C-alpha atoms as a PDB file:
ATOM      1  CA  UNK A   1     -68.818 -47.324 -50.827  1.00  0.00           C
ATOM      2  CA  UNK A   2     -67.409 -44.298 -52.447  1.00  0.00           C
ATOM      3  CA  UNK A   3     -66.759 -42.943 -48.687  1.00  0.00           C
ATOM      4  CA  UNK A   4     -65.699 -45.943 -47.258  1.00  0.00           C
ATOM      5  CA  UNK A   5     -62.991 -46.074 -50.518  1.00  0.00           C
ATOM      6  CA  UNK A   6     -61.746 -42.297 -49.698  1.00  0.00           C
ATOM      7  CA  UNK A   7     -61.548 -42.806 -45.835  1.00  0.00           C
ATOM      8  CA  UNK A   8     -59.161 -45.796 -46.589  1.00  0.00           C
ATOM      9  CA  UNK A   9     -57.170 -43.830 -48.905  1.00  0.00           C
ATOM     10  CA  UNK A  10     -56.606 -41.434 -46.219  1.00  0.00           C
ATOM     11  CA  UNK A  11     -55.610 -43.414 -43.736  1.00  0.00           C
ATOM     12  CA  UNK A  12     -53.324 -45.064 -45.884  1.00  0.00           C
ATOM     13  CA  UNK A  13     -51.774 -41.588 -46.815  1.00  0.00           C
ATOM     14  CA  UNK A  14     -51.610 -40.649 -43.133  1.00  0.00           C
ATOM     15  CA  UNK A  15     -50.003 -43.925 -41.907  1.00  0.00           C
ATOM     16  CA  UNK A  16     -46.697 -43.013 -42.914  1.00  0.00           C
ATOM     17  CA  UNK A  17     -46.526 -39.336 -41.471  1.00  0.00           C
ATOM     18  CA  UNK A  18     -47.685 -40.970 -38.142  1.00  0.00           C
ATOM     19  CA  UNK A  19     -44.736 -43.518 -38.501  1.00  0.00           C
ATOM     20  CA  UNK A  20     -42.628 -40.553 -38.928  1.00  0.00           C
ATOM     21  CA  UNK A  21     -43.932 -38.720 -35.992  1.00  0.00           C
ATOM     22  CA  UNK A  22     -43.735 -41.814 -33.599  1.00  0.00           C
ATOM     23  CA  UNK A  23     -39.757 -42.303 -34.735  1.00  0.00           C
ATOM     24  CA  UNK A  24     -39.129 -38.457 -34.152  1.00  0.00           C
ATOM     25  CA  UNK A  25     -40.857 -38.847 -31.009  1.00  0.00           C
ATOM     26  CA  UNK A  26     -38.566 -42.016 -30.374  1.00  0.00           C
ATOM     27  CA  UNK A  27     -35.337 -40.551 -31.249  1.00  0.00           C
ATOM     28  CA  UNK A  28     -35.923 -37.656 -29.151  1.00  0.00           C
ATOM     29  CA  UNK A  29     -36.893 -39.255 -26.267  1.00  0.00           C
ATOM     30  CA  UNK A  30     -34.095 -41.802 -25.934  1.00  0.00           C
ATOM     31  CA  UNK A  31     -31.346 -38.696 -26.775  1.00  0.00           C
ATOM     32  CA  UNK A  32     -32.818 -36.868 -23.882  1.00  0.00           C
ATOM     33  CA  UNK A  33     -32.510 -40.019 -21.351  1.00  0.00           C
ATOM     34  CA  UNK A  34     -29.510 -40.463 -22.847  1.00  0.00           C
ATOM     35  CA  UNK A  35     -28.390 -37.173 -21.882  1.00  0.00           C
ATOM     36  CA  UNK A  36     -29.552 -37.464 -18.667  1.00  0.00           C
ATOM     37  CA  UNK A  37     -28.034 -40.414 -17.663  1.00  0.00           C
ATOM     38  CA  UNK A  38     -24.429 -38.697 -18.987  1.00  0.00           C
ATOM     39  CA  UNK A  39     -25.254 -35.733 -16.795  1.00  0.00           C
ATOM     40  CA  UNK A  40     -26.053 -37.833 -13.803  1.00  0.00           C
ATOM     41  CA  UNK A  41     -22.609 -39.856 -14.312  1.00  0.00           C
ATOM     42  CA  UNK A  42     -20.731 -36.546 -14.679  1.00  0.00           C
ATOM     43  CA  UNK A  43     -21.920 -34.767 -11.350  1.00  0.00           C
ATOM     44  CA  UNK A  44     -20.396 -37.309  -9.144  1.00  0.00           C
ATOM     45  CA  UNK A  45     -17.125 -37.435 -11.469  1.00  0.00           C
ATOM     46  CA  UNK A  46     -16.487 -33.643 -11.303  1.00  0.00           C
ATOM     47  CA  UNK A  47     -17.270 -33.734  -7.547  1.00  0.00           C
ATOM     48  CA  UNK A  48     -14.456 -36.036  -7.006  1.00  0.00           C
ATOM     49  CA  UNK A  49     -11.864 -33.301  -8.546  1.00  0.00           C
ATOM     50  CA  UNK A  50     -12.418 -31.091  -5.664  1.00  0.00           C
ATOM     51  CA  UNK A  51     -10.306 -31.721  -2.836  1.00  0.00           C
ATOM     52  CA  UNK A  52     -12.400 -33.236   0.033  1.00  0.00           C
ATOM     53  CA  UNK A  53     -12.302 -31.439   3.570  1.00  0.00           C
ATOM     54  CA  UNK A  54     -10.479 -34.625   4.731  1.00  0.00           C
ATOM     55  CA  UNK A  55      -7.745 -33.755   2.010  1.00  0.00           C
ATOM     56  CA  UNK A  56      -7.617 -29.971   2.747  1.00  0.00           C
ATOM     57  CA  UNK A  57      -6.824 -30.808   6.529  1.00  0.00           C
ATOM     58  CA  UNK A  58      -4.421 -33.007   5.627  1.00  0.00           C
ATOM     59  CA  UNK A  59      -2.112 -30.303   4.007  1.00  0.00           C
ATOM     60  CA  UNK A  60      -3.570 -28.091   1.449  1.00  0.00           C
ATOM     61  CA  UNK A  61      -2.512 -24.668   1.290  1.00  0.00           C
ATOM     62  CA  UNK A  62      -4.284 -21.637   2.170  1.00  0.00           C
ATOM     63  CA  UNK A  63      -4.222 -18.422   0.667  1.00  0.00           C
ATOM     64  CA  UNK A  64      -4.839 -14.886   3.330  1.00  0.00           C
ATOM     65  CA  UNK A  65      -5.333 -11.574   2.150  1.00  0.00           C
ATOM     66  CA  UNK A  66      -3.140  -9.556   4.458  1.00  0.00           C
ATOM     67  CA  UNK A  67      -4.415  -5.865   3.231  1.00  0.00           C
ATOM     68  CA  UNK A  68      -7.051  -5.377   5.887  1.00  0.00           C
ATOM     69  CA  UNK A  69      -4.747  -5.869   8.866  1.00  0.00           C
ATOM     70  CA  UNK A  70      -4.378  -2.740  11.165  1.00  0.00           C
ATOM     71  CA  UNK A  71      -1.367  -2.391  12.802  1.00  0.00           C
ATOM     72  CA  UNK A  72      -1.336  -4.095  15.899  1.00  0.00           C
ATOM     73  CA  UNK A  73      -3.608  -6.452  15.195  1.00  0.00           C
ATOM     74  CA  UNK A  74      -3.812 -10.469  15.073  1.00  0.00           C
ATOM     75  CA  UNK A  75      -5.904 -12.864  12.759  1.00  0.00           C
ATOM     76  CA  UNK A  76      -6.851 -16.332  12.862  1.00  0.00           C
ATOM     77  CA  UNK A  77      -7.006 -18.493   9.781  1.00  0.00           C
ATOM     78  CA  UNK A  78      -7.052 -22.688  10.200  1.00  0.00           C
ATOM     79  CA  UNK A  79      -4.095 -24.333   8.675  1.00  0.00           C
ATOM     80  CA  UNK A  80      -3.985 -28.459   8.519  1.00  0.00           C
ATOM     81  CA  UNK A  81      -6.463 -28.096  11.458  1.00  0.00           C
ATOM     82  CA  UNK A  82      -4.038 -25.565  13.426  1.00  0.00           C
ATOM     83  CA  UNK A  83      -4.920 -22.235  14.156  1.00  0.00           C
ATOM     84  CA  UNK A  84      -2.122 -19.971  12.146  1.00  0.00           C
ATOM     85  CA  UNK A  85      -1.746 -16.375  13.545  1.00  0.00           C
ATOM     86  CA  UNK A  86      -1.014 -13.734  11.636  1.00  0.00           C
ATOM     87  CA  UNK A  87       0.318 -10.142  13.551  1.00  0.00           C
ATOM     88  CA  UNK A  88       0.967  -7.296  11.921  1.00  0.00           C
ATOM     89  CA  UNK A  89       3.594  -5.452  13.985  1.00  0.00           C
ATOM     90  CA  UNK A  90       4.276  -1.889  14.698  1.00  0.00           C
ATOM     91  CA  UNK A  91       7.397  -0.400  14.429  1.00  0.00           C
ATOM     92  CA  UNK A  92       7.475   0.261  18.237  1.00  0.00           C
ATOM     93  CA  UNK A  93       7.135  -3.801  18.378  1.00  0.00           C
ATOM     94  CA  UNK A  94       9.882  -4.495  16.687  1.00  0.00           C
ATOM     95  CA  UNK A  95      12.383  -2.215  18.022  1.00  0.00           C
ATOM     96  CA  UNK A  96      11.439  -4.222  21.434  1.00  0.00           C
ATOM     97  CA  UNK A  97      12.464  -7.338  20.318  1.00  0.00           C
ATOM     98  CA  UNK A  98      16.351  -6.411  20.766  1.00  0.00           C
ATOM     99  CA  UNK A  99      15.704  -5.592  24.295  1.00  0.00           C
ATOM    100  CA  UNK A 100      14.889  -8.808  26.106  1.00  0.00           C
ATOM    101  CA  UNK A 101      16.930 -11.264  24.539  1.00  0.00           C
ATOM    102  CA  UNK A 102      19.349 -12.354  27.397  1.00  0.00           C
ATOM    103  CA  UNK A 103      15.589 -13.745  28.889  1.00  0.00           C
ATOM    104  CA  UNK A 104      14.928 -15.887  26.047  1.00  0.00           C
ATOM    105  CA  UNK A 105      15.761 -19.666  25.577  1.00  0.00           C
ATOM    106  CA  UNK A 106      16.686 -19.774  22.085  1.00  0.00           C
ATOM    107  CA  UNK A 107      16.882 -15.988  20.420  1.00  0.00           C
ATOM    108  CA  UNK A 108      18.446 -17.088  17.291  1.00  0.00           C
ATOM    109  CA  UNK A 109      15.950 -19.598  16.424  1.00  0.00           C
ATOM    110  CA  UNK A 110      18.505 -22.311  16.697  1.00  0.00           C
ATOM    111  CA  UNK A 111      16.423 -25.338  17.251  1.00  0.00           C
ATOM    112  CA  UNK A 112      15.201 -26.701  13.562  1.00  0.00           C
ATOM    113  CA  UNK A 113      11.516 -26.239  13.848  1.00  0.00           C
ATOM    114  CA  UNK A 114      10.896 -23.202  11.734  1.00  0.00           C
ATOM    115  CA  UNK A 115      11.806 -22.257   7.987  1.00  0.00           C
ATOM    116  CA  UNK A 116      15.383 -21.463   7.569  1.00  0.00           C
ATOM    117  CA  UNK A 117      13.591 -17.754   6.307  1.00  0.00           C
ATOM    118  CA  UNK A 118      12.562 -17.930   9.941  1.00  0.00           C
ATOM    119  CA  UNK A 119      16.123 -17.982  11.537  1.00  0.00           C
ATOM    120  CA  UNK A 120      16.543 -14.080  12.586  1.00  0.00           C
ATOM    121  CA  UNK A 121      15.255 -11.683  15.015  1.00  0.00           C
ATOM    122  CA  UNK A 122      12.120 -11.086  13.670  1.00  0.00           C
ATOM    123  CA  UNK A 123      11.412 -14.682  12.652  1.00  0.00           C
ATOM    124  CA  UNK A 124       9.442 -13.648   9.747  1.00  0.00           C
ATOM    125  CA  UNK A 125       9.857 -13.078   5.707  1.00  0.00           C
ATOM    126  CA  UNK A 126       8.957  -9.368   6.277  1.00  0.00           C
ATOM    127  CA  UNK A 127       9.461  -7.806   9.238  1.00  0.00           C
ATOM    128  CA  UNK A 128       6.115  -6.130   9.893  1.00  0.00           C
ATOM    129  CA  UNK A 129       4.525  -9.620   9.326  1.00  0.00           C
ATOM    130  CA  UNK A 130       4.599 -12.338  11.730  1.00  0.00           C
ATOM    131  CA  UNK A 131       3.116 -15.760  11.071  1.00  0.00           C
ATOM    132  CA  UNK A 132       2.966 -18.468  13.300  1.00  0.00           C
ATOM    133  CA  UNK A 133       1.146 -21.830  14.287  1.00  0.00           C
ATOM    134  CA  UNK A 134      -0.679 -20.518  17.686  1.00  0.00           C
ATOM    135  CA  UNK A 135       0.005 -23.974  19.521  1.00  0.00           C
ATOM    136  CA  UNK A 136       2.371 -23.772  22.650  1.00  0.00           C
ATOM    137  CA  UNK A 137       4.912 -25.696  22.641  1.00  0.00           C
ATOM    138  CA  UNK A 138       4.440 -27.474  25.795  1.00  0.00           C
ATOM    139  CA  UNK A 139       1.527 -29.410  25.777  1.00  0.00           C
ATOM    140  CA  UNK A 140      -0.696 -28.035  22.978  1.00  0.00           C
ATOM    141  CA  UNK A 141      -2.218 -25.055  24.574  1.00  0.00           C
ATOM    142  CA  UNK A 142      -3.455 -21.873  22.665  1.00  0.00           C
ATOM    143  CA  UNK A 143      -1.652 -18.746  23.984  1.00  0.00           C
ATOM    144  CA  UNK A 144      -3.303 -15.447  24.825  1.00  0.00           C
ATOM    145  CA  UNK A 145      -2.030 -12.309  22.522  1.00  0.00           C
ATOM    146  CA  UNK A 146      -1.154  -9.651  25.318  1.00  0.00           C
ATOM    147  CA  UNK A 147      -0.273  -6.550  23.841  1.00  0.00           C
ATOM    148  CA  UNK A 148      -0.204  -2.404  25.008  1.00  0.00           C
ATOM    149  CA  UNK A 149       1.069  -3.303  28.130  1.00  0.00           C
ATOM    150  CA  UNK A 150      -1.096  -6.082  28.955  1.00  0.00           C
ATOM    151  CA  UNK A 151       2.221  -8.274  28.784  1.00  0.00           C
ATOM    152  CA  UNK A 152       4.111  -6.924  31.351  1.00  0.00           C
ATOM    153  CA  UNK A 153       2.064  -8.251  34.075  1.00  0.00           C
ATOM    154  CA  UNK A 154       4.007 -11.893  32.840  1.00  0.00           C
ATOM    155  CA  UNK A 155       7.254 -10.212  31.814  1.00  0.00           C
ATOM    156  CA  UNK A 156       8.096  -7.041  33.614  1.00  0.00           C
ATOM    157  CA  UNK A 157       9.161  -4.258  30.873  1.00  0.00           C
ATOM    158  CA  UNK A 158       7.902  -6.220  27.915  1.00  0.00           C
ATOM    159  CA  UNK A 159       4.369  -4.753  27.300  1.00  0.00           C
ATOM    160  CA  UNK A 160       3.533  -7.318  23.978  1.00  0.00           C
ATOM    161  CA  UNK A 161       3.536 -10.589  23.901  1.00  0.00           C
ATOM    162  CA  UNK A 162       1.814 -14.236  23.865  1.00  0.00           C
ATOM    163  CA  UNK A 163       0.903 -15.779  27.222  1.00  0.00           C
ATOM    164  CA  UNK A 164      -0.173 -19.356  27.899  1.00  0.00           C
ATOM    165  CA  UNK A 165      -2.613 -19.811  30.727  1.00  0.00           C
ATOM    166  CA  UNK A 166      -2.039 -23.480  31.105  1.00  0.00           C
ATOM    167  CA  UNK A 167       0.640 -23.760  32.636  1.00  0.00           C
ATOM    168  CA  UNK A 168       2.484 -20.038  32.365  1.00  0.00           C
ATOM    169  CA  UNK A 169       4.941 -20.563  29.146  1.00  0.00           C
ATOM    170  CA  UNK A 170       5.690 -17.047  27.788  1.00  0.00           C
ATOM    171  CA  UNK A 171       6.645 -16.136  24.215  1.00  0.00           C
ATOM    172  CA  UNK A 172       7.909 -12.458  22.975  1.00  0.00           C
ATOM    173  CA  UNK A 173       6.325 -11.242  19.681  1.00  0.00           C
ATOM    174  CA  UNK A 174       8.636 -13.130  17.346  1.00  0.00           C
ATOM    175  CA  UNK A 175       6.998 -16.399  19.361  1.00  0.00           C
ATOM    176  CA  UNK A 176      10.527 -16.724  20.969  1.00  0.00           C
ATOM    177  CA  UNK A 177       9.913 -18.919  24.250  1.00  0.00           C
ATOM    178  CA  UNK A 178      11.303 -16.971  27.577  1.00  0.00           C
ATOM    179  CA  UNK A 179      13.711 -18.838  29.876  1.00  0.00           C
ATOM    180  CA  UNK A 180      11.945 -20.764  33.041  1.00  0.00           C
ATOM    181  CA  UNK A 181       8.932 -21.914  31.701  1.00  0.00           C
ATOM    182  CA  UNK A 182       7.359 -25.427  30.759  1.00  0.00           C
ATOM    183  CA  UNK A 183       7.697 -24.716  27.029  1.00  0.00           C
ATOM    184  CA  UNK A 184      11.043 -25.792  25.486  1.00  0.00           C
ATOM    185  CA  UNK A 185      10.644 -24.300  21.958  1.00  0.00           C
ATOM    186  CA  UNK A 186       9.948 -21.268  20.427  1.00  0.00           C
ATOM    187  CA  UNK A 187       6.073 -21.157  18.539  1.00  0.00           C
ATOM    188  CA  UNK A 188       6.550 -23.109  15.130  1.00  0.00           C
ATOM    189  CA  UNK A 189       6.836 -20.836  12.200  1.00  0.00           C
ATOM    190  CA  UNK A 190       4.941 -22.505   9.313  1.00  0.00           C
ATOM    191  CA  UNK A 191       6.222 -22.983   5.430  1.00  0.00           C
ATOM    192  CA  UNK A 192       4.772 -19.802   3.760  1.00  0.00           C
ATOM    193  CA  UNK A 193       5.289 -17.489   0.703  1.00  0.00           C
ATOM    194  CA  UNK A 194       3.931 -13.876  -0.655  1.00  0.00           C
ATOM    195  CA  UNK A 195       2.110 -14.356  -3.742  1.00  0.00           C
ATOM    196  CA  UNK A 196       2.301 -10.553  -3.606  1.00  0.00           C
ATOM    197  CA  UNK A 197       2.295  -7.731  -0.966  1.00  0.00           C
ATOM    198  CA  UNK A 198      -0.967  -8.534   0.098  1.00  0.00           C
ATOM    199  CA  UNK A 199      -1.147 -12.017  -0.249  1.00  0.00           C
ATOM    200  CA  UNK A 200      -0.045 -14.880   1.345  1.00  0.00           C
ATOM    201  CA  UNK A 201      -0.220 -18.637   0.943  1.00  0.00           C
ATOM    202  CA  UNK A 202       0.505 -20.875   4.045  1.00  0.00           C
ATOM    203  CA  UNK A 203       1.905 -24.357   3.149  1.00  0.00           C
ATOM    204  CA  UNK A 204       4.432 -23.885   0.991  1.00  0.00           C
ATOM    205  CA  UNK A 205       7.699 -22.383   0.868  1.00  0.00           C
ATOM    206  CA  UNK A 206       9.220 -19.819  -1.210  1.00  0.00           C
ATOM    207  CA  UNK A 207      11.270 -16.733  -1.445  1.00  0.00           C
ATOM    208  CA  UNK A 208       9.348 -13.426  -0.818  1.00  0.00           C
ATOM    209  CA  UNK A 209       8.204 -10.637  -2.957  1.00  0.00           C
END
């Protein structure tokens, strides 16, 4: 009898402790499940803050580091699903632009298909860097960059330029179209701005640094 009474007393004393342990376990488990639920709901919401690929293609600006471009080199980037060329022109190429303007259809870029800052001989904010949409203004082909005398096969006496092999359109190193070819307009200059000497943002226009 005495053993039974002692066991009953021990059980009675342990019951509140076991209840408290259960409560703590349930509280912790509920909190963990709740936190997982909040995290699960937050992930798609955070993801929605990032622009989709479609939104980027529709018109998001792109930032380009031009510090590694060598003189005479052309690099290509994509903006609004279009190829954009960035060419670092040499002093010799810049001097060449004045030698054939009598052969061009729109030497002063008077047609309104480029930003106002590109209505000059160099069609650029900074003379050294040419930035163009690399699509022929005839039927949308992509011209080839020909340099170091290769372009003279297309235009005698002009060593550098862009030649469209599809229908024979020719453009100089400012993207200006030559006379007597199918393309009616100069290559398009996209809106852009310089953040600093080595970084350009294509897609929005501002004053040159």
